PDB file of N, CA and C in Angstrom:
ATOM      1  N   MET A   1      72.620 108.530  73.963  1.00  0.00           N
ATOM      2  CA  MET A   1      72.579 107.226  75.288  1.00  0.00           C
ATOM      3  C   MET A   1      71.995 107.897  76.075  1.00  0.00           C
ATOM      4  N   GLY A   2      72.633 109.190  76.817  1.00  0.00           N
ATOM      5  CA  GLY A   2      73.445 110.253  78.080  1.00  0.00           C
ATOM      6  C   GLY A   2      72.103 111.282  77.482  1.00  0.00           C
ATOM      7  N   GLY A   3      72.583 111.913  78.651  1.00  0.00           N
ATOM      8  CA  GLY A   3      71.822 113.482  78.560  1.00  0.00           C
ATOM      9  C   GLY A   3      72.345 114.193  77.856  1.00  0.00           C
ATOM     10  N   GLY A   4      71.644 115.185  76.874  1.00  0.00           N
ATOM     11  CA  GLY A   4      72.809 115.883  76.262  1.00  0.00           C
ATOM     12  C   GLY A   4      73.093 116.627  76.806  1.00  0.00           C
ATOM     13  N   GLY A   5      74.351 116.747  76.502  1.00  0.00           N
ATOM     14  CA  GLY A   5      75.063 118.006  76.810  1.00  0.00           C
ATOM     15  C   GLY A   5      74.909 119.948  76.767  1.00  0.00           C
ATOM     16  N   HIS A   6      75.029 120.392  77.760  1.00  0.00           N
ATOM     17  CA  HIS A   6      74.051 121.558  78.232  1.00  0.00           C
ATOM     18  C   HIS A   6      75.615 122.459  77.951  1.00  0.00           C
ATOM     19  N   GLY A   7      76.620 121.909  78.659  1.00  0.00           N
ATOM     20  CA  GLY A   7      78.012 123.017  78.026  1.00  0.00           C
ATOM     21  C   GLY A   7      78.412 122.494  77.470  1.00  0.00           C
ATOM     22  N   GLY A   8      79.194 123.460  76.890  1.00  0.00           N
ATOM     23  CA  GLY A   8      80.618 122.916  75.680  1.00  0.00           C
ATOM     24  C   GLY A   8      81.575 121.688  77.180  1.00  0.00           C
ATOM     25  N   GLY A   9      82.731 121.178  76.184  1.00  0.00           N
ATOM     26  CA  GLY A   9      83.636 120.187  76.480  1.00  0.00           C
ATOM     27  C   GLY A   9      84.665 119.574  75.165  1.00  0.00           C
ATOM     28  N   THR A  10      85.351 119.016  75.207  1.00  0.00           N
ATOM     29  CA  THR A  10      86.239 118.439  74.796  1.00  0.00           C
ATOM     30  C   THR A  10      85.921 117.520  73.979  1.00  0.00           C
ATOM     31  N   THR A  11      85.990 116.190  73.569  1.00  0.00           N
ATOM     32  CA  THR A  11      85.986 115.279  72.773  1.00  0.00           C
ATOM     33  C   THR A  11      86.698 114.731  72.661  1.00  0.00           C
ATOM     34  N   TYR A  12      86.808 113.187  73.205  1.00  0.00           N
ATOM     35  CA  TYR A  12      88.031 112.711  72.342  1.00  0.00           C
ATOM     36  C   TYR A  12      87.393 111.208  72.058  1.00  0.00           C
ATOM     37  N   LYS A  13      88.157 111.056  70.614  1.00  0.00           N
ATOM     38  CA  LYS A  13      87.349 109.913  70.494  1.00  0.00           C
ATOM     39  C   LYS A  13      86.155 109.101  70.460  1.00  0.00           C
ATOM     40  N   GLY A  14      85.375 110.788  70.613  1.00  0.00           N
ATOM     41  CA  GLY A  14      83.963 110.338  70.669  1.00  0.00           C
ATOM     42  C   GLY A  14      83.171 110.418  71.850  1.00  0.00           C
ATOM     43  N   TYR A  15      84.133 110.726  72.287  1.00  0.00           N
ATOM     44  CA  TYR A  15      83.390 111.245  73.815  1.00  0.00           C
ATOM     45  C   TYR A  15      83.802 112.431  74.372  1.00  0.00           C
ATOM     46  N   THR A  16      82.561 112.779  75.099  1.00  0.00           N
ATOM     47  CA  THR A  16      82.831 114.318  75.097  1.00  0.00           C
ATOM     48  C   THR A  16      82.821 114.765  77.326  1.00  0.00           C
ATOM     49  N   ILE A  17      84.404 115.073  77.373  1.00  0.00           N
ATOM     50  CA  ILE A  17      84.800 115.078  78.644  1.00  0.00           C
ATOM     51  C   ILE A  17      84.290 117.105  78.987  1.00  0.00           C
ATOM     52  N   PRO A  18      83.503 116.220  79.319  1.00  0.00           N
ATOM     53  CA  PRO A  18      82.324 118.284  80.106  1.00  0.00           C
ATOM     54  C   PRO A  18      83.882 118.853  81.093  1.00  0.00           C
ATOM     55  N   HIS A  19      83.330 119.942  81.223  1.00  0.00           N
ATOM     56  CA  HIS A  19      83.668 121.209  82.373  1.00  0.00           C
ATOM     57  C   HIS A  19      83.837 121.371  83.138  1.00  0.00           C
ATOM     58  N   ASN A  20      83.891 121.339  84.210  1.00  0.00           N
ATOM     59  CA  ASN A  20      83.983 120.874  85.554  1.00  0.00           C
ATOM     60  C   ASN A  20      83.812 123.133  85.416  1.00  0.00           C
ATOM     61  N   LYS A  21      83.194 122.819  86.283  1.00  0.00           N
ATOM     62  CA  LYS A  21      82.329 125.057  87.053  1.00  0.00           C
ATOM     63  C   LYS A  21      84.138 124.751  88.183  1.00  0.00           C
ATOM     64  N   ARG A  22      84.648 126.410  88.124  1.00  0.00           N
ATOM     65  CA  ARG A  22      85.162 126.881  89.101  1.00  0.00           C
ATOM     66  C   ARG A  22      85.042 126.087  90.779  1.00  0.00           C
ATOM     67  N   TRP A  23      83.610 126.394  91.029  1.00  0.00           N
ATOM     68  CA  TRP A  23      83.525 125.476  92.707  1.00  0.00           C
ATOM     69  C   TRP A  23      84.120 124.631  92.597  1.00  0.00           C
ATOM     70  N   HIS A  24      83.136 123.321  92.072  1.00  0.00           N
ATOM     71  CA  HIS A  24      84.212 122.026  92.360  1.00  0.00           C
ATOM     72  C   HIS A  24      85.552 121.726  91.610  1.00  0.00           C
ATOM     73  N   THR A  25      86.291 123.153  90.767  1.00  0.00           N
ATOM     74  CA  THR A  25      87.359 122.156  91.698  1.00  0.00           C
ATOM     75  C   THR A  25      88.121 122.786  92.805  1.00  0.00           C
ATOM     76  N   VAL A  26      88.844 123.794  93.341  1.00  0.00           N
ATOM     77  CA  VAL A  26      87.826 124.195  94.011  1.00  0.00           C
ATOM     78  C   VAL A  26      87.589 123.823  95.356  1.00  0.00           C
ATOM     79  N   ALA A  27      86.470 123.042  95.629  1.00  0.00           N
ATOM     80  CA  ALA A  27      86.342 122.222  96.133  1.00  0.00           C
ATOM     81  C   ALA A  27      86.443 120.986  96.613  1.00  0.00           C
ATOM     82  N   GLY A  28      86.737 120.219  95.263  1.00  0.00           N
ATOM     83  CA  GLY A  28      87.333 119.189  95.080  1.00  0.00           C
ATOM     84  C   GLY A  28      89.072 119.371  95.776  1.00  0.00           C
ATOM     85  N   LYS A  29      89.796 120.440  95.633  1.00  0.00           N
ATOM     86  CA  LYS A  29      90.991 120.006  95.984  1.00  0.00           C
ATOM     87  C   LYS A  29      91.246 120.850  97.019  1.00  0.00           C
ATOM     88  N   GLY A  30      90.167 121.454  98.138  1.00  0.00           N
ATOM     89  CA  GLY A  30      90.270 121.963  99.496  1.00  0.00           C
ATOM     90  C   GLY A  30      89.822 120.544 100.348  1.00  0.00           C
ATOM     91  N   LEU A  31      89.063 120.012  99.912  1.00  0.00           N
ATOM     92  CA  LEU A  31      88.691 118.241 100.275  1.00  0.00           C
ATOM     93  C   LEU A  31      89.981 117.076 100.003  1.00  0.00           C
ATOM     94  N   CYS A  32      90.791 117.303  98.909  1.00  0.00           N
ATOM     95  CA  CYS A  32      91.627 116.736  99.376  1.00  0.00           C
ATOM     96  C   CYS A  32      93.008 117.157  99.962  1.00  0.00           C
ATOM     97  N   ALA A  33      92.676 117.891  99.842  1.00  0.00           N
ATOM     98  CA  ALA A  33      93.254 118.792 100.802  1.00  0.00           C
ATOM     99  C   ALA A  33      93.761 118.225 102.570  1.00  0.00           C
ATOM    100  N   VAL A  34      92.273 118.656 102.589  1.00  0.00           N
ATOM    101  CA  VAL A  34      91.631 118.094 104.622  1.00  0.00           C
ATOM    102  C   VAL A  34      92.396 116.079 104.471  1.00  0.00           C
ATOM    103  N   MET A  35      91.916 115.466 103.538  1.00  0.00           N
ATOM    104  CA  MET A  35      91.842 113.894 103.840  1.00  0.00           C
ATOM    105  C   MET A  35      93.709 113.852 103.791  1.00  0.00           C
ATOM    106  N   TRP A  36      94.336 114.559 102.284  1.00  0.00           N
ATOM    107  CA  TRP A  36      95.834 114.367 103.248  1.00  0.00           C
ATOM    108  C   TRP A  36      95.999 114.754 105.183  1.00  0.00           C
ATOM    109  N   PHE A  37      96.196 116.466 105.158  1.00  0.00           N
ATOM    110  CA  PHE A  37      95.653 116.172 106.106  1.00  0.00           C
ATOM    111  C   PHE A  37      95.981 115.580 107.675  1.00  0.00           C
ATOM    112  N   TRP A  38      94.953 114.899 107.006  1.00  0.00           N
ATOM    113  CA  TRP A  38      94.178 113.852 108.894  1.00  0.00           C
ATOM    114  C   TRP A  38      95.070 112.660 107.646  1.00  0.00           C
ATOM    115  N   VAL A  39      94.682 112.822 107.134  1.00  0.00           N
ATOM    116  CA  VAL A  39      95.814 110.488 106.581  1.00  0.00           C
ATOM    117  C   VAL A  39      97.342 110.611 107.529  1.00  0.00           C
ATOM    118  N   PHE A  40      97.664 112.521 107.558  1.00  0.00           N
ATOM    119  CA  PHE A  40      99.011 112.068 107.743  1.00  0.00           C
ATOM    120  C   PHE A  40      99.001 112.643 109.365  1.00  0.00           C
ATOM    121  N   TYR A  41      98.410 113.209 109.774  1.00  0.00           N
ATOM    122  CA  TYR A  41      97.835 113.258 111.397  1.00  0.00           C
ATOM    123  C   TYR A  41      97.776 111.874 111.555  1.00  0.00           C
ATOM    124  N   ARG A  42      97.251 110.774 111.095  1.00  0.00           N
ATOM    125  CA  ARG A  42      96.452 109.860 112.148  1.00  0.00           C
ATOM    126  C   ARG A  42      98.198 109.205 111.935  1.00  0.00           C
ATOM    127  N   ALA A  43      98.155 108.691 110.530  1.00  0.00           N
ATOM    128  CA  ALA A  43      99.877 108.718 110.734  1.00  0.00           C
ATOM    129  C   ALA A  43     101.713 109.443 111.738  1.00  0.00           C
ATOM    130  N   LYS A  44     100.764 109.974 111.518  1.00  0.00           N
ATOM    131  CA  LYS A  44     101.723 110.033 113.144  1.00  0.00           C
ATOM    132  C   LYS A  44     101.612 109.523 114.473  1.00  0.00           C
ATOM    133  N   GLN A  45     100.109 109.695 114.633  1.00  0.00           N
ATOM    134  CA  GLN A  45      99.393 109.183 115.841  1.00  0.00           C
ATOM    135  C   GLN A  45      99.974 107.878 115.937  1.00  0.00           C
ATOM    136  N   ASP A  46      99.559 107.314 115.327  1.00  0.00           N
ATOM    137  CA  ASP A  46      98.977 105.224 114.703  1.00  0.00           C
ATOM    138  C   ASP A  46     100.023 104.595 113.765  1.00  0.00           C
ATOM    139  N   GLY A  47     100.656 106.210 113.741  1.00  0.00           N
ATOM    140  CA  GLY A  47     101.766 104.703 113.061  1.00  0.00           C
ATOM    141  C   GLY A  47     102.522 103.620 112.620  1.00  0.00           C
ATOM    142  N   ALA A  48     102.540 103.742 113.966  1.00  0.00           N
ATOM    143  CA  ALA A  48     103.619 102.214 114.470  1.00  0.00           C
ATOM    144  C   ALA A  48     102.456 100.994 114.562  1.00  0.00           C
ATOM    145  N   VAL A  49     101.200 101.474 115.638  1.00  0.00           N
ATOM    146  CA  VAL A  49     100.633 100.791 115.505  1.00  0.00           C
ATOM    147  C   VAL A  49      99.844 100.465 113.863  1.00  0.00           C
ATOM    148  N   LEU A  50      99.846 101.661 113.113  1.00  0.00           N
ATOM    149  CA  LEU A  50      99.101 100.587 112.412  1.00  0.00           C
ATOM    150  C   LEU A  50      99.754  99.471 111.530  1.00  0.00           C
ATOM    151  N   LEU A  51     101.667  99.557 111.386  1.00  0.00           N
ATOM    152  CA  LEU A  51     102.137  98.959 110.233  1.00  0.00           C
ATOM    153  C   LEU A  51     102.761  98.399 111.559  1.00  0.00           C
ATOM    154  N   GLY A  52     102.363  97.704 112.251  1.00  0.00           N
ATOM    155  CA  GLY A  52     102.562  96.868 113.378  1.00  0.00           C
ATOM    156  C   GLY A  52     103.984  96.556 114.089  1.00  0.00           C
ATOM    157  N   MET A  53     104.915  97.718 114.042  1.00  0.00           N
ATOM    158  CA  MET A  53     105.463  97.960 114.807  1.00  0.00           C
ATOM    159  C   MET A  53     105.125  97.898 116.634  1.00  0.00           C
ATOM    160  N   ARG A  54     104.523  98.771 117.419  1.00  0.00           N
ATOM    161  CA  ARG A  54     103.702  98.677 118.311  1.00  0.00           C
ATOM    162  C   ARG A  54     102.082  98.294 118.629  1.00  0.00           C
ATOM    163  N   HIS A  55     102.183  97.412 119.688  1.00  0.00           N
ATOM    164  CA  HIS A  55     101.023  97.073 119.637  1.00  0.00           C
ATOM    165  C   HIS A  55     100.343  98.350 120.938  1.00  0.00           C
ATOM    166  N   PRO A  56      98.526  98.100 120.126  1.00  0.00           N
ATOM    167  CA  PRO A  56      98.090  99.597 121.650  1.00  0.00           C
ATOM    168  C   PRO A  56      98.846 100.065 122.953  1.00  0.00           C
ATOM    169  N   TRP A  57      98.812  98.378 123.295  1.00  0.00           N
ATOM    170  CA  TRP A  57      99.115  98.633 124.884  1.00  0.00           C
ATOM    171  C   TRP A  57     100.539  98.210 125.333  1.00  0.00           C
ATOM    172  N   ASP A  58     101.079  99.050 124.392  1.00  0.00           N
ATOM    173  CA  ASP A  58     102.540  99.101 124.616  1.00  0.00           C
ATOM    174  C   ASP A  58     102.090 100.153 125.427  1.00  0.00           C
ATOM    175  N   GLY A  59     103.678  99.880 126.356  1.00  0.00           N
ATOM    176  CA  GLY A  59     103.354 101.188 127.001  1.00  0.00           C
ATOM    177  C   GLY A  59     102.930 101.534 128.635  1.00  0.00           C
ATOM    178  N   HIS A  60     101.615 100.547 128.319  1.00  0.00           N
ATOM    179  CA  HIS A  60     100.457 100.935 129.838  1.00  0.00           C
ATOM    180  C   HIS A  60     100.785  99.676 131.260  1.00  0.00           C
ATOM    181  N   ASP A  61     102.873  99.050 131.134  1.00  0.00           N
ATOM    182  CA  ASP A  61     102.995  98.627 132.424  1.00  0.00           C
ATOM    183  C   ASP A  61     102.193  98.835 132.972  1.00  0.00           C
ATOM    184  N   ASP A  62     102.460 100.026 134.406  1.00  0.00           N
ATOM    185  CA  ASP A  62     102.430 100.960 135.270  1.00  0.00           C
ATOM    186  C   ASP A  62     100.719 101.243 134.446  1.00  0.00           C
ATOM    187  N   HIS A  63      99.564 100.552 135.951  1.00  0.00           N
ATOM    188  CA  HIS A  63      97.979 100.937 135.331  1.00  0.00           C
ATOM    189  C   HIS A  63      98.275 101.721 136.410  1.00  0.00           C
ATOM    190  N   SER A  64      98.897 101.925 137.263  1.00  0.00           N
ATOM    191  CA  SER A  64      98.276 103.315 138.481  1.00  0.00           C
ATOM    192  C   SER A  64      98.892 104.432 137.831  1.00  0.00           C
ATOM    193  N   HIS A  65      99.862 104.615 137.346  1.00  0.00           N
ATOM    194  CA  HIS A  65      99.947 106.140 136.989  1.00  0.00           C
ATOM    195  C   HIS A  65     100.278 106.973 138.274  1.00  0.00           C
ATOM    196  N   GLY A  66     101.065 106.303 139.159  1.00  0.00           N
ATOM    197  CA  GLY A  66     101.681 106.800 139.949  1.00  0.00           C
ATOM    198  C   GLY A  66     101.047 107.040 141.060  1.00  0.00           C
ATOM    199  N   HIS A  67      98.860 106.309 141.089  1.00  0.00           N
ATOM    200  CA  HIS A  67      98.536 106.693 141.900  1.00  0.00           C
ATOM    201  C   HIS A  67      98.293 105.439 143.016  1.00  0.00           C
ATOM    202  N   GLY A  68      99.915 105.055 143.240  1.00  0.00           N
ATOM    203  CA  GLY A  68      99.740 103.698 143.760  1.00  0.00           C
ATOM    204  C   GLY A  68      99.004 103.804 145.246  1.00  0.00           C
ATOM    205  N   HIS A  69      99.411 103.543 145.950  1.00  0.00           N
ATOM    206  CA  HIS A  69      98.959 103.223 148.157  1.00  0.00           C
ATOM    207  C   HIS A  69      99.984 104.502 148.334  1.00  0.00           C
ATOM    208  N   GLU A  70     100.101 105.519 147.780  1.00  0.00           N
ATOM    209  CA  GLU A  70     100.217 106.868 148.072  1.00  0.00           C
ATOM    210  C   GLU A  70      99.308 107.727 149.240  1.00  0.00           C
ATOM    211  N   HIS A  71      98.449 107.628 148.353  1.00  0.00           N
ATOM    212  CA  HIS A  71      96.526 108.090 148.338  1.00  0.00           C
ATOM    213  C   HIS A  71      96.538 107.156 149.951  1.00  0.00           C
ATOM    214  N   GLU A  72      96.937 106.577 149.498  1.00  0.00           N
ATOM    215  CA  GLU A  72      95.851 105.685 150.296  1.00  0.00           C
ATOM    216  C   GLU A  72      96.111 106.040 152.689  1.00  0.00           C
ATOM    217  N   GLY A  73      97.798 105.776 152.044  1.00  0.00           N
ATOM    218  CA  GLY A  73      98.573 106.110 153.205  1.00  0.00           C
ATOM    219  C   GLY A  73      98.087 108.357 153.414  1.00  0.00           C
ATOM    220  N   SER A  74      97.454 108.904 152.283  1.00  0.00           N
ATOM    221  CA  SER A  74      98.164 110.560 152.917  1.00  0.00           C
ATOM    222  C   SER A  74      96.728 110.412 153.634  1.00  0.00           C
ATOM    223  N   SER A  75      95.386 109.497 152.917  1.00  0.00           N
ATOM    224  CA  SER A  75      93.689 109.359 153.604  1.00  0.00           C
ATOM    225  C   SER A  75      93.871 109.802 154.924  1.00  0.00           C
ATOM    226  N   SER A  76      94.852 108.765 155.563  1.00  0.00           N
ATOM    227  CA  SER A  76      94.702 107.876 156.452  1.00  0.00           C
ATOM    228  C   SER A  76      95.403 108.577 157.136  1.00  0.00           C
ATOM    229  N   THR A  77      96.081 109.357 157.295  1.00  0.00           N
ATOM    230  CA  THR A  77      96.762 110.382 158.043  1.00  0.00           C
ATOM    231  C   THR A  77      96.467 112.024 158.177  1.00  0.00           C
ATOM    232  N   SER A  78      95.142 112.246 157.329  1.00  0.00           N
ATOM    233  CA  SER A  78      94.117 112.865 156.898  1.00  0.00           C
ATOM    234  C   SER A  78      93.332 112.733 158.028  1.00  0.00           C
ATOM    235  N   SER A  79      92.696 111.978 157.196  1.00  0.00           N
ATOM    236  CA  SER A  79      90.972 111.414 158.875  1.00  0.00           C
ATOM    237  C   SER A  79      92.344 110.943 160.046  1.00  0.00           C
ATOM    238  N   SER A  80      93.198 111.148 160.758  1.00  0.00           N
ATOM    239  CA  SER A  80      93.345 110.829 162.152  1.00  0.00           C
ATOM    240  C   SER A  80      93.537 111.939 162.770  1.00  0.00           C
ATOM    241  N   ARG A  81      94.082 113.166 161.930  1.00  0.00           N
ATOM    242  CA  ARG A  81      94.076 114.540 162.434  1.00  0.00           C
ATOM    243  C   ARG A  81      92.696 114.979 163.345  1.00  0.00           C
TER     244      ARG A  81
END
């Protein structure tokens, strides 16, 4: 059927499961850890939005962010000097 295995393996019910190389196992576990760190980081950042508990635009009621008419008043006083 498939290519003949060159390495050893474990045979179970007629199917031979090949042994992994050490670097495949280490790389797989490392990439799995990176994936889970990323999932938990994004859950911390956007978990409420993902679960529908908060909308992405909530908390942006004040679009001026403290930069309202204060700048217009200060620029007119500085130009009159």
